[in-house]
Amino acid sequence: MAPLSAEPAQPLYDAITPAHLRLLHDSSELPLTRDELRRLQSLNDRVSPTEVASVYGPLTQLIQLNIQNSQRLARERSALLGSELKVAPFVIGLAGSVAVGKSTTARLLVALLSRQAPALSVELVPTDGFLYPNERLKARGLMDKKGFPETYDVRALLSFLSDVKAGNAGLRAPVYSHLAYDIVPNAFVELERPDVIVIEGLNILQMPTAGSELGSAVSDFLDFSIYVDADTEVIQQWYEDRFLTLRHTAFANPASYFHRYAGLNDAGARETARRLWKTINEPNLVQNILNTRQRADLIFRKGADHALDIIWLRRL
């Protein structure tokens, strides 16, 4: 494995190619059925069965080793101190830009962990549910910055993660509707002491901002972190392509917040998507998200075809 050469934190990482993993783990046995894999993929995203079997599978096994080590440390700590055994849920953070494929990676990780370790209870919690409601964003003039750090109720998210790590029962995560583009009032996902929680969101690897009253960050609660990466120009292309496809799917629903875009022709849709990318999503990526990449334990770098191009693994 060659050291990471393109990033400021290069001494911290080893670079692994998918070809290297395929040589070590050449397997035609897909841990998921093709129908399962198809359902896990987000709109316009693609993951090949070969990549799942030979690349994502071994990397999930690596994460599973971290989970086992964490559980073993909890047992040994309890024995050493003569204290009550408390094994807190193992929290995996998954970050990256809009349209880079975070949701696909998160769902795939949950499915593979559940398949490889059936005894583990694994839950997925998107941080979209911790966005402020649109009414509050409008009052603060933040609707055009949705997804920026200041549009999240970070205090509520930190409180949730604190309860997770305390091993509390009856955990509840708020629900976000992508159709309504808003928080669903009085709707929650109920979690009952899962062994593993995957937290997926744009800004979860950020440090607290200077002068923040919170004193801690989401990343303080993470046991393992992943950043899904690609060239900015490539992500923009994926964003625009997805926007064009959504005209005929989600946007076509009269209940959709974006129904007004359903009737755009290709040129109009492309222009609108490019404007939204340039005014909202790219600034958020450049100003807030990209600079957290080197804080991740594992970086998935994707090529223009959505396939993994290189994997950067933080050294122990």
Protein backbone atom coordinates (compact mmCIF):
# COMPACT_ATOMS: atom_id res chain seq x y z
CA MET A 1 0.00 0.00 0.00
CA ALA A 2 1.34 3.40 -0.99
CA PRO A 3 1.01 6.43 1.29
CA LEU A 4 -1.57 9.05 0.45
CA SER A 5 0.20 11.62 -1.70
CA ALA A 6 -2.36 14.29 -2.56
CA GLU A 7 -3.55 15.50 0.83
CA PRO A 8 -1.96 17.60 3.61
CA ALA A 9 -2.46 14.74 6.08
CA GLN A 10 -0.67 12.18 3.88
CA PRO A 11 1.41 10.63 6.71
CA LEU A 12 -1.84 9.59 8.41
CA TYR A 13 -3.21 7.43 5.59
CA ASP A 14 -2.49 4.38 3.49
CA ALA A 15 -3.94 4.19 0.00
CA ILE A 16 -5.65 0.97 -1.06
CA THR A 17 -6.83 0.31 -4.58
CA PRO A 18 -9.98 -1.70 -5.30
CA ALA A 19 -7.82 -3.91 -7.56
CA HIS A 20 -5.63 -4.76 -4.56
CA LEU A 21 -8.67 -5.74 -2.50
CA ARG A 22 -10.06 -7.82 -5.36
CA LEU A 23 -6.80 -9.79 -5.54
CA LEU A 24 -7.01 -10.52 -1.83
CA HIS A 25 -10.74 -11.15 -1.71
CA ASP A 26 -11.66 -12.39 -5.16
CA SER A 27 -15.17 -13.66 -4.63
CA SER A 28 -18.10 -14.25 -6.92
CA GLU A 29 -20.39 -14.74 -3.92
CA LEU A 30 -22.50 -11.63 -3.47
CA PRO A 31 -23.40 -11.10 0.22
CA LEU A 32 -26.66 -9.47 -0.92
CA THR A 33 -29.11 -10.46 -3.60
CA ARG A 34 -29.19 -8.32 -6.75
CA ASP A 35 -32.70 -7.15 -5.84
CA GLU A 36 -31.48 -6.09 -2.39
CA LEU A 37 -28.56 -4.22 -3.93
CA ARG A 38 -30.87 -2.48 -6.40
CA ARG A 39 -33.15 -1.29 -3.57
CA LEU A 40 -30.20 0.06 -1.58
CA GLN A 41 -28.98 2.33 -4.37
CA SER A 42 -30.11 5.93 -4.52
CA LEU A 43 -31.46 7.50 -7.68
CA ASN A 44 -28.78 7.62 -10.42
CA ASP A 45 -26.22 5.98 -8.12
CA ARG A 46 -24.56 2.70 -9.11
CA VAL A 47 -22.70 -0.02 -7.23
CA SER A 48 -21.70 -3.20 -9.03
CA PRO A 49 -22.16 -6.65 -7.45
CA THR A 50 -18.44 -7.31 -7.97
CA GLU A 51 -17.54 -4.16 -6.05
CA VAL A 52 -19.85 -5.13 -3.19
CA ALA A 53 -18.40 -8.64 -2.93
CA SER A 54 -14.72 -7.81 -3.32
CA VAL A 55 -14.37 -4.25 -1.99
CA TYR A 56 -17.25 -3.15 0.24
CA GLY A 57 -17.47 -6.59 1.85
CA PRO A 58 -13.86 -6.68 3.12
CA LEU A 59 -14.02 -3.04 4.23
CA THR A 60 -17.17 -3.80 6.21
CA GLN A 61 -15.30 -6.70 7.84
CA LEU A 62 -12.63 -4.18 8.85
CA ILE A 63 -15.29 -2.03 10.52
CA GLN A 64 -16.68 -5.14 12.20
CA LEU A 65 -13.23 -5.75 13.75
CA ASN A 66 -13.39 -2.25 15.22
CA ILE A 67 -16.83 -3.02 16.67
CA GLN A 68 -15.56 -6.25 18.23
CA ASN A 69 -12.53 -4.49 19.70
CA SER A 70 -14.76 -1.79 21.19
CA GLN A 71 -17.01 -4.38 22.81
CA ARG A 72 -14.03 -6.34 24.13
CA LEU A 73 -12.51 -3.17 25.61
CA ALA A 74 -15.79 -2.44 27.41
CA ARG A 75 -15.79 -5.92 28.95
CA GLU A 76 -12.14 -5.71 30.02
CA ARG A 77 -12.60 -2.21 31.43
CA SER A 78 -15.57 -3.41 33.47
CA ALA A 79 -13.59 -6.37 34.81
CA LEU A 80 -10.56 -4.22 35.63
CA LEU A 81 -12.57 -1.58 37.50
CA GLY A 82 -15.11 -3.96 39.00
CA SER A 83 -17.89 -1.84 37.54
CA GLU A 84 -21.17 -2.68 35.87
CA LEU A 85 -20.70 -3.76 32.27
CA LYS A 86 -22.01 -1.10 29.91
CA VAL A 87 -21.44 -1.60 26.20
CA ALA A 88 -22.44 1.60 24.46
CA PRO A 89 -23.63 1.44 20.85
CA PHE A 90 -20.83 1.71 18.30
CA VAL A 91 -21.43 4.88 16.29
CA ILE A 92 -20.28 5.13 12.67
CA GLY A 93 -20.34 8.55 11.04
CA LEU A 94 -20.69 8.89 7.28
CA ALA A 95 -20.05 12.30 5.69
CA GLY A 96 -19.71 13.85 2.24
CA SER A 97 -21.33 16.17 -0.26
CA VAL A 98 -24.88 16.24 -1.53
CA ALA A 99 -25.25 13.79 -4.48
CA VAL A 100 -21.95 11.96 -3.80
CA GLY A 101 -23.69 8.72 -2.79
CA LYS A 102 -23.68 8.93 1.03
CA SER A 103 -27.14 7.40 1.40
CA THR A 104 -26.29 4.44 -0.83
CA THR A 105 -23.06 3.84 1.10
CA ALA A 106 -24.85 4.14 4.45
CA ARG A 107 -27.63 1.70 3.49
CA LEU A 108 -25.08 -0.69 2.00
CA LEU A 109 -23.00 -0.58 5.17
CA VAL A 110 -26.04 -1.31 7.35
CA ALA A 111 -27.07 -4.22 5.12
CA LEU A 112 -23.59 -5.74 4.98
CA LEU A 113 -23.01 -5.42 8.73
CA SER A 114 -26.40 -7.02 9.40
CA ARG A 115 -25.60 -9.85 6.98
CA GLN A 116 -22.04 -10.46 8.18
CA ALA A 117 -22.89 -10.21 11.89
CA PRO A 118 -26.56 -11.24 12.33
CA ALA A 119 -26.29 -10.92 16.12
CA LEU A 120 -25.73 -7.17 15.80
CA SER A 121 -28.67 -4.78 15.80
CA VAL A 122 -27.77 -2.03 13.29
CA GLU A 123 -29.74 1.18 12.74
CA LEU A 124 -29.38 4.07 10.28
CA VAL A 125 -30.07 7.64 11.42
CA PRO A 126 -29.82 10.40 8.76
CA THR A 127 -29.08 13.82 10.23
CA ASP A 128 -31.70 15.37 7.91
CA GLY A 129 -34.12 14.81 10.77
CA PHE A 130 -32.17 17.32 12.85
CA LEU A 131 -32.56 20.17 10.37
CA TYR A 132 -34.62 23.04 11.70
CA PRO A 133 -38.21 23.09 10.34
CA ASN A 134 -38.73 25.27 7.28
CA GLU A 135 -40.80 27.74 9.27
CA ARG A 136 -37.83 28.45 11.52
CA LEU A 137 -35.39 28.57 8.61
CA LYS A 138 -37.59 31.09 6.82
CA ALA A 139 -37.82 33.25 9.93
CA ARG A 140 -34.04 33.31 10.12
CA GLY A 141 -33.52 33.86 6.40
CA LEU A 142 -31.77 30.50 6.02
CA MET A 143 -33.93 28.62 3.51
CA ASP A 144 -31.38 29.28 0.75
CA LYS A 145 -28.63 27.80 2.95
CA LYS A 146 -30.39 24.58 3.88
CA GLY A 147 -27.76 21.96 4.65
CA PHE A 148 -25.22 24.49 5.96
CA PRO A 149 -24.13 23.86 9.58
CA GLU A 150 -26.27 26.70 10.94
CA THR A 151 -29.47 25.11 9.59
CA TYR A 152 -29.19 22.10 11.92
CA ASP A 153 -30.40 21.83 15.49
CA VAL A 154 -26.98 20.68 16.64
CA ARG A 155 -27.97 20.87 20.29
CA ALA A 156 -30.74 18.30 19.69
CA LEU A 157 -28.39 16.08 17.70
CA LEU A 158 -25.74 16.18 20.43
CA SER A 159 -28.39 15.40 23.05
CA PHE A 160 -29.52 12.41 20.99
CA LEU A 161 -25.95 11.12 20.62
CA SER A 162 -25.31 11.64 24.33
CA ASP A 163 -28.32 9.44 25.10
CA VAL A 164 -27.02 6.89 22.59
CA LYS A 165 -23.62 6.68 24.27
CA ALA A 166 -25.23 6.54 27.71
CA GLY A 167 -27.01 3.38 26.59
CA ASN A 168 -30.41 4.91 27.26
CA ALA A 169 -33.54 3.11 26.12
CA GLY A 170 -36.38 4.68 24.18
CA LEU A 171 -34.22 6.70 21.80
CA ARG A 172 -36.14 8.80 19.28
CA ALA A 173 -34.81 10.45 16.14
CA PRO A 174 -36.94 13.01 14.26
CA VAL A 175 -38.09 12.23 10.72
CA TYR A 176 -37.45 14.31 7.61
CA SER A 177 -39.54 14.14 4.43
CA HIS A 178 -37.65 14.71 1.19
CA LEU A 179 -41.00 14.97 -0.58
CA ALA A 180 -42.18 17.83 1.65
CA TYR A 181 -38.61 19.12 2.06
CA ASP A 182 -39.33 19.57 5.75
CA ILE A 183 -39.40 17.92 9.17
CA VAL A 184 -42.43 15.70 9.70
CA PRO A 185 -44.24 17.09 12.80
CA ASN A 186 -44.48 14.68 15.75
CA ALA A 187 -42.89 11.81 13.78
CA PHE A 188 -39.95 9.87 15.20
CA VAL A 189 -37.90 6.75 14.53
CA GLU A 190 -37.85 4.65 17.69
CA LEU A 191 -34.53 2.97 18.58
CA GLU A 192 -34.20 0.42 21.36
CA ARG A 193 -30.52 0.10 22.35
CA PRO A 194 -29.02 -0.89 18.97
CA ASP A 195 -25.50 -2.33 18.93
CA VAL A 196 -24.47 -0.12 16.01
CA ILE A 197 -25.79 3.21 14.74
CA VAL A 198 -24.77 4.68 11.39
CA ILE A 199 -25.14 8.48 11.43
CA GLU A 200 -25.21 9.89 7.89
CA GLY A 201 -24.97 13.58 7.11
CA LEU A 202 -23.17 16.44 5.41
CA ASN A 203 -21.35 18.09 8.30
CA ILE A 204 -20.92 15.42 10.97
CA LEU A 205 -17.11 15.57 10.98
CA GLN A 206 -16.95 19.28 11.77
CA MET A 207 -15.30 20.67 14.87
CA PRO A 208 -17.22 23.11 17.08
CA THR A 209 -17.12 26.65 15.76
CA ALA A 210 -15.14 29.26 17.68
CA GLY A 211 -17.19 30.71 20.51
CA SER A 212 -19.76 27.91 20.39
CA GLU A 213 -21.66 27.34 23.62
CA LEU A 214 -21.99 23.63 22.91
CA GLY A 215 -18.43 22.65 23.81
CA SER A 216 -18.59 19.38 21.87
CA ALA A 217 -19.14 18.20 18.33
CA VAL A 218 -20.90 15.30 16.65
CA SER A 219 -17.50 13.82 15.84
CA ASP A 220 -16.79 13.45 19.58
CA PHE A 221 -19.37 10.67 19.68
CA LEU A 222 -18.12 8.74 16.63
CA ASP A 223 -16.21 5.47 16.99
CA PHE A 224 -15.44 5.23 13.29
CA SER A 225 -15.92 7.68 10.44
CA ILE A 226 -16.17 7.49 6.66
CA TYR A 227 -16.01 10.28 4.08
CA VAL A 228 -17.41 9.67 0.59
CA ASP A 229 -15.41 11.73 -1.90
CA ALA A 230 -15.25 12.59 -5.61
CA ASP A 231 -14.06 15.49 -7.76
CA THR A 232 -16.30 18.53 -7.29
CA GLU A 233 -17.01 18.71 -11.03
CA VAL A 234 -18.08 15.06 -11.02
CA ILE A 235 -20.42 15.57 -8.05
CA GLN A 236 -21.96 18.55 -9.81
CA GLN A 237 -22.65 16.39 -12.87
CA TRP A 238 -24.28 13.74 -10.68
CA TYR A 239 -26.38 16.43 -8.97
CA GLU A 240 -27.59 17.84 -12.29
CA ASP A 241 -28.34 14.37 -13.71
CA ARG A 242 -30.31 13.46 -10.60
CA PHE A 243 -32.27 16.71 -10.79
CA LEU A 244 -33.27 15.95 -14.38
CA THR A 245 -34.42 12.46 -13.41
CA LEU A 246 -36.41 13.75 -10.43
CA ARG A 247 -38.63 15.78 -12.77
CA HIS A 248 -40.28 12.51 -13.81
CA THR A 249 -40.29 10.86 -10.37
CA ALA A 250 -40.51 12.72 -7.04
CA PHE A 251 -41.06 16.18 -8.55
CA ALA A 252 -44.02 14.87 -10.56
CA ASN A 253 -45.92 14.33 -7.29
CA PRO A 254 -48.15 17.40 -6.67
CA ALA A 255 -47.28 17.09 -2.97
CA SER A 256 -43.59 17.58 -3.69
CA TYR A 257 -41.98 20.82 -2.52
CA PHE A 258 -40.20 20.88 -5.91
CA HIS A 259 -43.28 20.14 -8.02
CA ARG A 260 -42.81 23.52 -9.74
CA TYR A 261 -39.76 22.09 -11.49
CA ALA A 262 -41.55 19.05 -12.93
CA GLY A 263 -42.51 20.81 -16.16
CA LEU A 264 -39.06 22.16 -17.01
CA ASN A 265 -37.50 21.00 -20.28
CA ASP A 266 -33.98 19.56 -20.27
CA ALA A 267 -32.26 22.89 -20.82
CA GLY A 268 -34.31 24.65 -18.14
CA ALA A 269 -33.84 21.83 -15.67
CA ARG A 270 -30.08 21.75 -16.29
CA GLU A 271 -29.83 25.51 -15.81
CA THR A 272 -31.88 25.38 -12.59
CA ALA A 273 -29.85 22.49 -11.18
CA ARG A 274 -26.61 24.28 -12.01
CA ARG A 275 -27.82 27.43 -10.27
CA LEU A 276 -28.83 25.51 -7.13
CA TRP A 277 -25.48 23.72 -7.13
CA LYS A 278 -23.45 26.91 -7.58
CA THR A 279 -25.36 28.98 -5.02
CA ILE A 280 -26.02 26.39 -2.29
CA ASN A 281 -24.41 22.98 -2.56
CA GLU A 282 -20.97 23.82 -3.93
CA PRO A 283 -20.37 26.66 -1.42
CA ASN A 284 -21.41 24.32 1.41
CA LEU A 285 -19.06 21.64 0.09
CA VAL A 286 -16.10 24.00 -0.31
CA GLN A 287 -16.62 26.04 2.86
CA ASN A 288 -17.83 23.41 5.33
CA ILE A 289 -17.66 19.80 4.17
CA LEU A 290 -14.50 19.21 2.15
CA ASN A 291 -12.17 20.45 4.85
CA THR A 292 -13.44 17.73 7.22
CA ARG A 293 -12.34 14.93 4.88
CA GLN A 294 -8.96 14.41 6.53
CA ARG A 295 -10.66 13.78 9.88
CA ALA A 296 -12.21 10.55 8.60
CA ASP A 297 -10.90 7.08 9.40
CA LEU A 298 -11.80 5.86 5.93
CA ILE A 299 -12.14 7.87 2.72
CA PHE A 300 -13.98 6.39 -0.26
CA ARG A 301 -12.85 8.16 -3.42
CA LYS A 302 -15.23 7.59 -6.34
CA GLY A 303 -14.62 8.03 -10.04
CA ALA A 304 -16.97 9.53 -12.64
CA ASP A 305 -18.57 6.09 -13.16
CA HIS A 306 -19.52 5.94 -9.42
CA ALA A 307 -17.07 3.08 -8.83
CA LEU A 308 -14.52 3.32 -6.02
CA ASP A 309 -11.27 4.64 -7.42
CA ILE A 310 -9.10 4.67 -4.31
CA ILE A 311 -9.64 4.02 -0.59
CA TRP A 312 -7.66 5.92 2.02
CA LEU A 313 -7.39 4.21 5.40
CA ARG A 314 -6.15 6.07 8.45
CA ARG A 315 -3.20 4.30 10.01
CA LEU A 316 -3.58 2.78 13.46
